[in-house]
Amino acid sequence: MVATAKQAPQGEITTLLGRGAAFEGKLTFDGTVRIDGRFKGEVFSDDVLVIGEGAHVEAEIDIGEVIIQGTVVGNIKAKRSIEIHAPGRVKGDLHTPSLQIDKGVIFEGRSFMENAASLPRPGAIPPAAAPKSGPTPVKP
C-alpha cells in the first residue's frame, strides 16, 4: 500500500526501494520516497526524494527536494533544495535555489543557484514594506 503525502504525516516515508532491490525505469510519486538500493532511469516529483547511504542512483532527477547520503550519477534539478550529506557522492550538475554540501562529500560537477535572487534574504525588507523613493508630494 502506498500512501499519498496528504495521508502521511510530514517527513514520513511513503515508499521505499530497500537494500538489495534494483529498479530501472521512470519513477513518479507523491510524498516522500527513500531509495536504499539501486535505481537507474528518471525521477519526477514535486515532493521529497531521500537517497540513503549505500544506495546507487544513475538518473536524471527533477524533484522538489532531495537528500543524498549515497551515490548519484546524473543531473539534479530541485525546485526547493538539494542536501548532500557524508558519505554522499554526486557526479553531475545541480540546479537549485538552496544547496547544502557537508564536509566529507565528493561532488564532481557544476552547481547553479537558480532562482536564488528571488528568495528572501535574512534581514531584507520585503518590497511592499520598503520605503518608496522619489519626491514627496507637497500639499498647498
C-alpha atoms as a PDB file:
ATOM      1  CA  MET A   1       0.000   0.000   0.000  1.00  0.00           C
ATOM      2  CA  VAL A   2       1.303   3.421  -0.978  1.00  0.00           C
ATOM      3  CA  ALA A   3       0.021   6.447   0.929  1.00  0.00           C
ATOM      4  CA  THR A   4      -0.097   9.910  -0.574  1.00  0.00           C
ATOM      5  CA  ALA A   5       1.588  12.909   1.015  1.00  0.00           C
ATOM      6  CA  LYS A   6      -1.789  14.205   2.261  1.00  0.00           C
ATOM      7  CA  GLN A   7      -2.429  10.987   4.211  1.00  0.00           C
ATOM      8  CA  ALA A   8       1.031  10.683   5.770  1.00  0.00           C
ATOM      9  CA  PRO A   9       2.496  12.920   8.458  1.00  0.00           C
ATOM     10  CA  GLN A  10       5.132  15.302   7.131  1.00  0.00           C
ATOM     11  CA  GLY A  11       8.518  13.609   6.721  1.00  0.00           C
ATOM     12  CA  GLU A  12       7.109  10.065   6.823  1.00  0.00           C
ATOM     13  CA  ILE A  13       8.441   7.810   4.076  1.00  0.00           C
ATOM     14  CA  THR A  14       5.558   6.686   1.877  1.00  0.00           C
ATOM     15  CA  THR A  15       7.572   4.406  -0.457  1.00  0.00           C
ATOM     16  CA  LEU A  16      10.858   2.517  -0.034  1.00  0.00           C
ATOM     17  CA  LEU A  17      13.168   0.809  -2.504  1.00  0.00           C
ATOM     18  CA  GLY A  18      15.175  -1.220   0.026  1.00  0.00           C
ATOM     19  CA  ARG A  19      18.727  -2.551   0.111  1.00  0.00           C
ATOM     20  CA  GLY A  20      19.237  -5.388  -2.327  1.00  0.00           C
ATOM     21  CA  ALA A  21      16.410  -4.132  -4.581  1.00  0.00           C
ATOM     22  CA  ALA A  22      17.087  -2.831  -8.090  1.00  0.00           C
ATOM     23  CA  PHE A  23      14.761  -0.925 -10.401  1.00  0.00           C
ATOM     24  CA  GLU A  24      15.147   0.578 -13.863  1.00  0.00           C
ATOM     25  CA  GLY A  25      12.666   2.979 -15.423  1.00  0.00           C
ATOM     26  CA  LYS A  26      10.755   6.180 -14.752  1.00  0.00           C
ATOM     27  CA  LEU A  27       9.749   6.986 -11.168  1.00  0.00           C
ATOM     28  CA  THR A  28       6.995   9.492 -10.380  1.00  0.00           C
ATOM     29  CA  PHE A  29       5.483   9.869  -6.922  1.00  0.00           C
ATOM     30  CA  ASP A  30       3.738  11.953  -4.260  1.00  0.00           C
ATOM     31  CA  GLY A  31       5.025  12.129  -0.695  1.00  0.00           C
ATOM     32  CA  THR A  32       8.495  11.010   0.375  1.00  0.00           C
ATOM     33  CA  VAL A  33      10.362   8.188  -1.349  1.00  0.00           C
ATOM     34  CA  ARG A  34      13.553   6.627   0.015  1.00  0.00           C
ATOM     35  CA  ILE A  35      15.959   4.643  -2.152  1.00  0.00           C
ATOM     36  CA  ASP A  36      18.423   2.360  -0.350  1.00  0.00           C
ATOM     37  CA  GLY A  37      19.014   0.009  -3.296  1.00  0.00           C
ATOM     38  CA  ARG A  38      19.908   0.567  -6.957  1.00  0.00           C
ATOM     39  CA  PHE A  39      17.913   2.728  -9.350  1.00  0.00           C
ATOM     40  CA  LYS A  40      18.565   3.646 -12.981  1.00  0.00           C
ATOM     41  CA  GLY A  41      16.348   5.918 -15.079  1.00  0.00           C
ATOM     42  CA  GLU A  42      14.422   9.136 -14.437  1.00  0.00           C
ATOM     43  CA  VAL A  43      12.762  10.616 -11.348  1.00  0.00           C
ATOM     44  CA  PHE A  44       9.993  13.240 -11.470  1.00  0.00           C
ATOM     45  CA  SER A  45       8.155  14.658  -8.449  1.00  0.00           C
ATOM     46  CA  ASP A  46       7.383  17.903  -6.629  1.00  0.00           C
ATOM     47  CA  ASP A  47       7.965  16.146  -3.311  1.00  0.00           C
ATOM     48  CA  VAL A  48      10.946  14.651  -1.414  1.00  0.00           C
ATOM     49  CA  LEU A  49      13.457  12.008  -2.512  1.00  0.00           C
ATOM     50  CA  VAL A  50      15.873  10.507   0.033  1.00  0.00           C
ATOM     51  CA  ILE A  51      18.854   8.579  -1.319  1.00  0.00           C
ATOM     52  CA  GLY A  52      20.182   6.562   1.594  1.00  0.00           C
ATOM     53  CA  GLU A  53      23.736   5.557   2.433  1.00  0.00           C
ATOM     54  CA  GLY A  54      24.730   2.613   0.262  1.00  0.00           C
ATOM     55  CA  ALA A  55      22.216   3.476  -2.478  1.00  0.00           C
ATOM     56  CA  HIS A  56      23.399   3.824  -6.083  1.00  0.00           C
ATOM     57  CA  VAL A  57      21.278   6.002  -8.379  1.00  0.00           C
ATOM     58  CA  GLU A  58      22.003   6.682 -12.054  1.00  0.00           C
ATOM     59  CA  ALA A  59      19.280   9.085 -13.097  1.00  0.00           C
ATOM     60  CA  GLU A  60      18.150  12.442 -14.342  1.00  0.00           C
ATOM     61  CA  ILE A  61      16.275  13.836 -11.354  1.00  0.00           C
ATOM     62  CA  ASP A  62      13.635  16.609 -11.438  1.00  0.00           C
ATOM     63  CA  ILE A  63      12.363  16.938  -7.875  1.00  0.00           C
ATOM     64  CA  GLY A  64      11.015  19.260  -5.187  1.00  0.00           C
ATOM     65  CA  GLU A  65      13.706  18.362  -2.611  1.00  0.00           C
ATOM     66  CA  VAL A  66      16.429  15.718  -2.477  1.00  0.00           C
ATOM     67  CA  ILE A  67      18.533  14.489   0.440  1.00  0.00           C
ATOM     68  CA  ILE A  68      21.568  12.428  -0.587  1.00  0.00           C
ATOM     69  CA  GLN A  69      23.758  10.130   1.519  1.00  0.00           C
ATOM     70  CA  GLY A  70      24.514   7.556  -1.179  1.00  0.00           C
ATOM     71  CA  THR A  71      25.868   7.789  -4.732  1.00  0.00           C
ATOM     72  CA  VAL A  72      24.166   9.706  -7.546  1.00  0.00           C
ATOM     73  CA  VAL A  73      25.364   9.830 -11.140  1.00  0.00           C
ATOM     74  CA  GLY A  74      23.298  12.255 -13.194  1.00  0.00           C
ATOM     75  CA  ASN A  75      21.979  15.789 -13.207  1.00  0.00           C
ATOM     76  CA  ILE A  76      19.636  17.011 -10.475  1.00  0.00           C
ATOM     77  CA  LYS A  77      17.124  19.839 -10.785  1.00  0.00           C
ATOM     78  CA  ALA A  78      15.422  20.635  -7.468  1.00  0.00           C
ATOM     79  CA  LYS A  79      12.661  23.224  -7.114  1.00  0.00           C
ATOM     80  CA  ARG A  80      13.371  23.825  -3.390  1.00  0.00           C
ATOM     81  CA  SER A  81      16.613  22.282  -2.149  1.00  0.00           C
ATOM     82  CA  ILE A  82      19.437  19.778  -2.501  1.00  0.00           C
ATOM     83  CA  GLU A  83      21.226  18.420   0.586  1.00  0.00           C
ATOM     84  CA  ILE A  84      24.284  16.178   0.258  1.00  0.00           C
ATOM     85  CA  HIS A  85      25.473  14.551   3.487  1.00  0.00           C
ATOM     86  CA  ALA A  86      28.614  12.468   4.072  1.00  0.00           C
ATOM     87  CA  PRO A  87      29.431   9.896   2.801  1.00  0.00           C
ATOM     88  CA  GLY A  88      27.437  11.063  -0.255  1.00  0.00           C
ATOM     89  CA  ARG A  89      28.905  11.184  -3.751  1.00  0.00           C
ATOM     90  CA  VAL A  90      27.418  13.126  -6.642  1.00  0.00           C
ATOM     91  CA  LYS A  91      28.670  13.234 -10.225  1.00  0.00           C
ATOM     92  CA  GLY A  92      26.550  15.613 -12.271  1.00  0.00           C
ATOM     93  CA  ASP A  93      25.223  19.155 -12.425  1.00  0.00           C
ATOM     94  CA  LEU A  94      22.996  20.603  -9.705  1.00  0.00           C
ATOM     95  CA  HIS A  95      20.272  23.221 -10.314  1.00  0.00           C
ATOM     96  CA  THR A  96      18.553  24.535  -7.178  1.00  0.00           C
ATOM     97  CA  PRO A  97      17.786  27.710  -5.226  1.00  0.00           C
ATOM     98  CA  SER A  98      19.155  26.136  -1.995  1.00  0.00           C
ATOM     99  CA  LEU A  99      22.232  23.880  -1.774  1.00  0.00           C
ATOM    100  CA  GLN A 100      23.887  22.242   1.252  1.00  0.00           C
ATOM    101  CA  ILE A 101      27.055  20.158   0.895  1.00  0.00           C
ATOM    102  CA  ASP A 102      28.559  18.696   4.071  1.00  0.00           C
ATOM    103  CA  LYS A 103      32.241  18.126   4.806  1.00  0.00           C
ATOM    104  CA  GLY A 104      33.357  14.713   3.527  1.00  0.00           C
ATOM    105  CA  VAL A 105      31.087  14.719   0.443  1.00  0.00           C
ATOM    106  CA  ILE A 106      32.552  14.080  -3.010  1.00  0.00           C
ATOM    107  CA  PHE A 107      30.967  16.316  -5.673  1.00  0.00           C
ATOM    108  CA  GLU A 108      32.060  16.372  -9.307  1.00  0.00           C
ATOM    109  CA  GLY A 109      30.067  18.748 -11.456  1.00  0.00           C
ATOM    110  CA  ARG A 110      28.689  22.251 -11.595  1.00  0.00           C
ATOM    111  CA  SER A 111      26.158  23.933  -9.362  1.00  0.00           C
ATOM    112  CA  PHE A 112      23.665  26.556 -10.453  1.00  0.00           C
ATOM    113  CA  MET A 113      21.785  28.519  -7.803  1.00  0.00           C
ATOM    114  CA  GLU A 114      18.732  29.190  -9.927  1.00  0.00           C
ATOM    115  CA  ASN A 115      16.034  31.470  -8.544  1.00  0.00           C
ATOM    116  CA  ALA A 116      18.342  32.367  -5.650  1.00  0.00           C
ATOM    117  CA  ALA A 117      17.806  36.054  -6.416  1.00  0.00           C
ATOM    118  CA  SER A 118      14.058  35.642  -5.879  1.00  0.00           C
ATOM    119  CA  LEU A 119      14.483  34.054  -2.422  1.00  0.00           C
ATOM    120  CA  PRO A 120      14.131  36.428   0.540  1.00  0.00           C
ATOM    121  CA  ARG A 121      17.436  37.196   2.242  1.00  0.00           C
ATOM    122  CA  PRO A 122      17.590  37.169   6.037  1.00  0.00           C
ATOM    123  CA  GLY A 123      17.048  40.721   7.307  1.00  0.00           C
ATOM    124  CA  ALA A 124      15.921  42.021   3.923  1.00  0.00           C
ATOM    125  CA  ILE A 125      12.976  44.385   3.755  1.00  0.00           C
ATOM    126  CA  PRO A 126      10.155  42.949   1.643  1.00  0.00           C
ATOM    127  CA  PRO A 127       9.427  45.117  -1.435  1.00  0.00           C
ATOM    128  CA  ALA A 128       5.943  46.031  -0.138  1.00  0.00           C
ATOM    129  CA  ALA A 129       7.417  47.353   3.151  1.00  0.00           C
ATOM    130  CA  ALA A 130      10.396  49.160   1.620  1.00  0.00           C
ATOM    131  CA  PRO A 131      10.242  52.951   1.658  1.00  0.00           C
ATOM    132  CA  LYS A 132       9.328  54.422  -1.706  1.00  0.00           C
ATOM    133  CA  SER A 133      11.847  56.723  -3.265  1.00  0.00           C
ATOM    134  CA  GLY A 134      11.061  59.828  -5.248  1.00  0.00           C
ATOM    135  CA  PRO A 135       9.645  63.216  -4.489  1.00  0.00           C
ATOM    136  CA  THR A 136       7.153  63.583  -1.668  1.00  0.00           C
ATOM    137  CA  PRO A 137       4.001  65.383  -2.753  1.00  0.00           C
ATOM    138  CA  VAL A 138       3.576  68.785  -1.125  1.00  0.00           C
ATOM    139  CA  LYS A 139       0.096  69.863  -0.024  1.00  0.00           C
ATOM    140  CA  PRO A 140      -0.739  73.536  -0.661  1.00  0.00           C
END
